[in-house]
N, C-alpha and C. Protein backbone atom coordinates (compact mmCIF):
# COMPACT_ATOMS: atom_id res chain seq x y z
N MET A 1 152.86 -5.19 25.45
CA MET A 1 153.18 -3.84 25.72
C MET A 1 153.73 -3.56 27.23
N ASP A 2 154.75 -2.73 27.12
CA ASP A 2 155.42 -2.48 28.68
C ASP A 2 154.56 -1.31 29.08
N LYS A 3 154.93 -1.24 30.27
CA LYS A 3 153.89 -0.32 31.20
C LYS A 3 154.09 1.00 30.77
N SER A 4 155.21 1.83 30.32
CA SER A 4 155.58 2.98 29.88
C SER A 4 154.67 3.31 28.77
N LYS A 5 154.67 2.40 27.87
CA LYS A 5 153.80 2.58 26.55
C LYS A 5 152.42 2.75 26.88
N ASN A 6 151.81 1.64 27.88
CA ASN A 6 150.53 2.00 28.56
C ASN A 6 150.04 3.08 28.93
N ARG A 7 150.68 3.55 29.83
CA ARG A 7 150.79 5.00 30.54
C ARG A 7 150.69 6.13 29.42
N ALA A 8 151.53 6.05 28.44
CA ALA A 8 151.47 7.01 27.55
C ALA A 8 150.44 6.91 26.77
N ALA A 9 149.97 5.63 26.37
CA ALA A 9 148.58 5.38 25.73
C ALA A 9 147.47 5.96 26.39
N ASP A 10 147.27 5.75 27.72
CA ASP A 10 146.28 6.20 28.50
C ASP A 10 146.07 7.89 28.72
N PHE A 11 147.33 8.34 28.78
CA PHE A 11 147.68 9.81 28.94
C PHE A 11 146.97 10.34 27.55
N GLU A 12 147.44 9.98 26.56
CA GLU A 12 146.90 10.58 25.24
C GLU A 12 145.40 10.38 24.85
N LYS A 13 144.75 9.26 25.50
CA LYS A 13 143.45 8.94 25.66
C LYS A 13 142.69 9.98 26.37
N ALA A 14 143.12 10.23 27.52
CA ALA A 14 142.68 11.12 28.58
C ALA A 14 142.67 12.62 27.92
N LEU A 15 143.89 12.95 27.22
CA LEU A 15 143.92 14.35 26.59
C LEU A 15 142.77 14.57 25.50
N LYS A 16 142.63 13.35 24.43
CA LYS A 16 141.74 13.47 23.60
C LYS A 16 140.29 13.70 24.28
N ALA A 17 139.87 12.99 25.25
CA ALA A 17 138.53 13.05 25.84
C ALA A 17 138.40 14.31 26.29
N ARG A 18 139.34 15.00 27.15
CA ARG A 18 139.21 16.32 27.67
C ARG A 18 139.01 17.24 26.45
N ASP A 19 139.56 17.27 25.42
CA ASP A 19 139.30 18.15 24.31
C ASP A 19 138.09 17.80 23.67
N GLN A 20 137.31 16.93 23.95
CA GLN A 20 136.19 16.61 23.39
C GLN A 20 134.91 16.92 24.35
N GLN A 21 135.01 17.13 25.56
CA GLN A 21 134.08 17.28 26.58
C GLN A 21 133.17 18.76 26.14
N LYS A 22 131.98 18.51 26.47
CA LYS A 22 130.87 19.51 26.24
C LYS A 22 131.03 20.41 27.31
N TYR A 23 130.96 21.62 27.45
CA TYR A 23 130.85 22.72 28.42
C TYR A 23 129.39 23.08 28.56
N VAL A 24 128.58 23.16 29.65
CA VAL A 24 127.63 23.69 29.84
C VAL A 24 127.58 25.04 30.82
N LEU A 25 127.36 26.11 30.34
CA LEU A 25 127.40 27.30 31.20
C LEU A 25 126.29 28.16 31.32
N ARG A 26 125.95 28.74 32.52
CA ARG A 26 124.86 29.57 32.88
C ARG A 26 125.51 30.96 33.16
N LEU A 27 124.86 31.93 32.65
CA LEU A 27 125.63 33.25 32.58
C LEU A 27 124.20 34.06 33.47
N TYR A 28 124.25 34.27 34.58
CA TYR A 28 123.36 35.21 35.15
C TYR A 28 123.74 36.74 35.12
N VAL A 29 122.91 37.41 34.48
CA VAL A 29 122.84 38.78 34.43
C VAL A 29 121.78 39.60 35.09
N ALA A 30 122.04 40.93 35.16
CA ALA A 30 121.08 41.68 35.82
C ALA A 30 120.24 42.70 34.60
N GLY A 31 119.57 42.28 33.76
CA GLY A 31 118.99 43.24 32.75
C GLY A 31 119.90 43.32 31.65
N MET A 32 119.57 44.06 30.72
CA MET A 32 120.44 44.20 29.56
C MET A 32 121.31 45.57 29.64
N THR A 33 121.93 45.56 30.62
CA THR A 33 122.66 46.73 30.73
C THR A 33 124.04 46.62 29.93
N PRO A 34 124.78 47.67 29.67
CA PRO A 34 126.29 47.48 29.35
C PRO A 34 127.11 46.34 29.64
N ARG A 35 126.96 46.33 31.03
CA ARG A 35 127.87 45.26 31.67
C ARG A 35 127.36 44.02 31.45
N SER A 36 126.14 43.74 31.29
CA SER A 36 125.52 42.46 31.16
C SER A 36 125.87 42.02 29.64
N MET A 37 125.74 43.05 28.83
CA MET A 37 126.12 42.79 27.22
C MET A 37 127.68 42.44 26.93
N GLN A 38 128.59 43.29 27.82
CA GLN A 38 129.94 42.83 27.94
C GLN A 38 130.25 41.57 28.28
N ALA A 39 129.67 41.11 29.22
CA ALA A 39 129.67 39.71 30.05
C ALA A 39 129.23 38.65 28.83
N ILE A 40 128.22 38.78 28.35
CA ILE A 40 127.72 37.74 27.14
C ILE A 40 128.71 37.84 26.14
N SER A 41 129.23 39.02 25.65
CA SER A 41 129.96 38.89 24.52
C SER A 41 131.17 38.33 24.78
N SER A 42 131.86 38.59 26.05
CA SER A 42 133.28 37.99 26.40
C SER A 42 133.05 36.78 26.57
N ILE A 43 131.91 35.75 27.31
CA ILE A 43 131.97 34.38 27.41
C ILE A 43 131.63 33.95 25.89
N LYS A 44 130.94 34.52 25.11
CA LYS A 44 130.75 33.95 23.65
C LYS A 44 131.93 34.09 22.75
N SER A 45 132.70 34.97 22.79
CA SER A 45 134.01 34.90 22.32
C SER A 45 135.18 34.07 22.80
N ILE A 46 135.15 33.76 24.03
CA ILE A 46 135.97 32.90 24.66
C ILE A 46 135.63 31.67 24.37
N CYS A 47 134.31 31.11 24.08
CA CYS A 47 133.74 29.89 23.91
C CYS A 47 134.03 29.39 22.53
N GLU A 48 133.75 30.59 21.57
CA GLU A 48 133.87 30.36 20.04
C GLU A 48 135.43 30.18 19.91
N GLU A 49 136.37 30.59 20.48
CA GLU A 49 137.70 30.44 20.17
C GLU A 49 138.00 29.23 20.82
N HIS A 50 137.82 28.92 21.94
CA HIS A 50 138.50 27.57 22.66
C HIS A 50 137.53 26.38 22.72
N LEU A 51 136.09 26.50 22.75
CA LEU A 51 135.42 25.51 22.79
C LEU A 51 134.16 25.10 21.50
N LEU A 52 134.72 25.72 20.45
CA LEU A 52 133.93 25.68 19.04
C LEU A 52 133.01 24.43 19.01
N GLY A 53 131.99 24.36 18.83
CA GLY A 53 131.08 23.33 18.85
C GLY A 53 130.89 22.44 19.99
N ARG A 54 131.39 22.76 21.19
CA ARG A 54 131.50 22.15 22.40
C ARG A 54 130.78 22.63 23.70
N TYR A 55 130.06 23.71 23.40
CA TYR A 55 129.54 24.68 24.36
C TYR A 55 128.06 24.71 24.19
N GLU A 56 127.38 24.99 25.55
CA GLU A 56 126.17 25.53 25.69
C GLU A 56 125.75 26.55 26.45
N ILE A 57 125.65 27.74 26.20
CA ILE A 57 125.42 28.74 27.16
C ILE A 57 123.99 29.29 27.26
N GLU A 58 123.55 29.30 28.60
CA GLU A 58 122.09 29.88 28.72
C GLU A 58 122.31 31.13 29.47
N VAL A 59 121.81 32.16 28.97
CA VAL A 59 121.75 33.47 29.76
C VAL A 59 120.40 33.73 30.50
N ILE A 60 120.67 33.98 31.62
CA ILE A 60 119.45 34.16 32.56
C ILE A 60 119.54 35.64 33.18
N ASP A 61 118.40 36.17 32.94
CA ASP A 61 118.24 37.69 33.50
C ASP A 61 117.79 37.52 35.01
N ILE A 62 118.35 37.67 36.00
CA ILE A 62 118.01 37.67 37.54
C ILE A 62 116.78 38.26 37.67
N TYR A 63 116.33 39.45 37.04
CA TYR A 63 115.14 40.26 37.08
C TYR A 63 114.00 39.40 36.42
N GLN A 64 114.06 38.60 35.58
CA GLN A 64 113.11 37.96 34.89
C GLN A 64 112.95 36.59 35.52
N GLN A 65 113.91 35.95 35.98
CA GLN A 65 113.96 34.85 36.62
C GLN A 65 114.69 34.76 38.22
N PRO A 66 114.28 35.36 39.05
CA PRO A 66 114.85 35.58 40.37
C PRO A 66 114.98 34.24 41.17
N GLY A 67 114.02 33.23 40.84
CA GLY A 67 113.87 32.05 41.58
C GLY A 67 115.17 31.12 41.22
N LEU A 68 115.57 31.28 39.85
CA LEU A 68 116.85 30.55 39.40
C LEU A 68 117.92 31.06 39.97
N ALA A 69 117.92 32.33 40.19
CA ALA A 69 119.32 32.97 41.05
C ALA A 69 119.27 32.51 42.19
N LYS A 70 118.15 32.74 42.87
CA LYS A 70 117.89 32.24 44.19
C LYS A 70 118.53 30.67 44.66
N GLU A 71 118.05 29.83 43.60
CA GLU A 71 118.33 28.40 43.52
C GLU A 71 119.93 28.12 43.71
N GLN A 72 120.41 29.00 42.58
CA GLN A 72 121.85 28.70 42.51
C GLN A 72 122.93 29.45 43.43
N GLN A 73 122.31 30.28 44.45
CA GLN A 73 122.73 31.25 45.29
C GLN A 73 123.71 32.17 44.71
N VAL A 74 123.04 32.73 43.62
CA VAL A 74 123.80 33.79 42.87
C VAL A 74 123.51 35.22 43.63
N LEU A 75 124.30 35.83 43.93
CA LEU A 75 124.34 37.18 44.82
C LEU A 75 124.74 38.20 44.08
N ALA A 76 125.36 38.11 43.01
CA ALA A 76 125.80 39.26 42.10
C ALA A 76 125.92 39.07 40.68
N ALA A 77 125.63 39.97 39.87
CA ALA A 77 125.57 39.48 38.32
C ALA A 77 126.65 40.64 37.91
N PRO A 78 127.21 40.28 36.71
CA PRO A 78 127.16 38.91 36.12
C PRO A 78 127.95 37.96 36.85
N THR A 79 127.44 36.70 36.75
CA THR A 79 127.85 35.45 37.73
C THR A 79 127.95 34.34 36.69
N LEU A 80 128.93 33.84 36.06
CA LEU A 80 128.97 32.62 35.21
C LEU A 80 129.06 31.40 35.94
N ILE A 81 128.32 30.35 35.82
CA ILE A 81 128.47 28.96 36.44
C ILE A 81 128.56 27.74 35.20
N LYS A 82 129.70 27.04 35.64
CA LYS A 82 130.10 26.00 34.62
C LYS A 82 129.39 24.89 35.29
N THR A 83 128.48 24.24 34.83
CA THR A 83 127.86 22.99 35.35
C THR A 83 128.31 21.87 35.05
N LEU A 84 129.00 21.90 33.68
CA LEU A 84 129.48 20.58 33.22
C LEU A 84 130.76 21.11 32.24
N PRO A 85 131.72 20.38 32.30
CA PRO A 85 132.36 19.27 33.03
C PRO A 85 132.22 19.58 34.54
N LEU A 86 132.14 18.46 35.15
CA LEU A 86 132.45 18.70 36.57
C LEU A 86 133.93 19.04 36.90
N PRO A 87 134.36 19.79 38.06
CA PRO A 87 133.49 20.32 38.99
C PRO A 87 132.75 21.62 38.62
N LEU A 88 131.83 21.75 39.40
CA LEU A 88 130.88 23.07 39.47
C LEU A 88 131.88 24.17 39.62
N ARG A 89 131.80 25.11 38.82
CA ARG A 89 132.75 26.48 39.06
C ARG A 89 131.76 27.64 38.81
N LYS A 90 132.07 28.62 39.61
CA LYS A 90 131.52 30.02 39.69
C LYS A 90 132.56 31.05 39.10
N PHE A 91 132.13 32.02 38.40
CA PHE A 91 132.95 33.01 38.24
C PHE A 91 132.25 34.35 38.43
N ILE A 92 132.52 35.24 39.13
CA ILE A 92 131.50 36.41 39.52
C ILE A 92 132.62 37.62 38.92
N GLY A 93 131.79 38.41 38.06
CA GLY A 93 132.50 39.79 37.55
C GLY A 93 132.22 40.07 35.94
N THR A 94 133.00 40.90 35.58
CA THR A 94 132.55 41.36 34.00
C THR A 94 133.09 40.19 32.96
N LEU A 95 133.89 39.28 33.31
CA LEU A 95 134.24 38.12 32.38
C LEU A 95 135.34 38.80 31.29
N SER A 96 136.05 39.87 31.64
CA SER A 96 136.81 40.58 30.96
C SER A 96 138.32 40.23 30.86
N ASP A 97 138.49 39.43 31.89
CA ASP A 97 140.15 38.98 32.16
C ASP A 97 140.16 37.40 31.68
N ARG A 98 140.27 37.27 30.51
CA ARG A 98 140.00 36.00 29.44
C ARG A 98 141.13 35.05 30.12
N GLU A 99 142.53 35.39 30.67
CA GLU A 99 143.07 34.27 31.06
C GLU A 99 142.64 33.55 32.57
N ARG A 100 142.10 34.42 33.22
CA ARG A 100 141.56 34.04 34.56
C ARG A 100 140.08 33.24 34.21
N ILE A 101 139.51 33.67 33.21
CA ILE A 101 138.28 32.80 32.91
C ILE A 101 138.73 31.47 32.47
N LEU A 102 139.64 31.42 31.60
CA LEU A 102 139.98 30.07 30.97
C LEU A 102 140.60 29.29 32.09
N THR A 103 141.24 29.81 33.13
CA THR A 103 141.87 29.16 34.11
C THR A 103 140.80 28.62 35.02
N SER A 104 139.84 29.41 35.48
CA SER A 104 138.76 28.92 36.17
C SER A 104 137.81 27.98 35.74
N LEU A 105 137.59 27.99 34.32
CA LEU A 105 136.69 27.01 33.73
C LEU A 105 137.62 25.56 33.35
N ASP A 106 138.85 25.76 33.71
CA ASP A 106 139.88 24.64 33.14
C ASP A 106 139.90 24.36 31.60
N ILE A 107 139.80 25.50 31.13
CA ILE A 107 140.01 25.39 29.61
C ILE A 107 141.60 25.56 29.32
N VAL A 108 142.10 24.55 28.46
CA VAL A 108 143.48 24.59 28.04
C VAL A 108 143.57 25.73 27.07
N PRO A 109 144.25 26.78 26.91
CA PRO A 109 144.05 27.69 25.74
C PRO A 109 144.92 27.03 24.62
N LYS A 110 144.39 27.24 23.47
CA LYS A 110 145.07 26.88 22.08
C LYS A 110 146.27 27.47 21.95
N VAL A 111 147.09 26.66 21.37
CA VAL A 111 148.61 27.53 21.37
C VAL A 111 148.55 27.97 19.87
C-alpha cells in the first residue's frame, strides 16, 4: 500500500477514535440558584446533542463540598471542568454560549 493510502487510513482511524471518546465533566455550582440550574441545563443539552452516550457529568455544589472546589482551585461558580479526554480544560460562566463551550471542550459540532 502506498504512503498516501496509509496516511488516509490512519486519519480516518483517528477521527473514528475521537468520535468514540468518553467525556468526563465536573460542573461546580453555588447552590441551586437560577444561574446554577441554567448552567446544568445548558451543559446537559450540549452533551445530549453532541456526546450522546459518551459523557458523564458530576454536579458539585461548592457549598456542600467546599473541599472539592478548593482541591480543583475553583474560584467562581459555575465552573465546568473537562477531565477526560485530556487535556484538562476549565470553563467559567453561565455556559450559555454554546459555540464557545463546544470549542473549549474540543467538541466538533455535528453538521
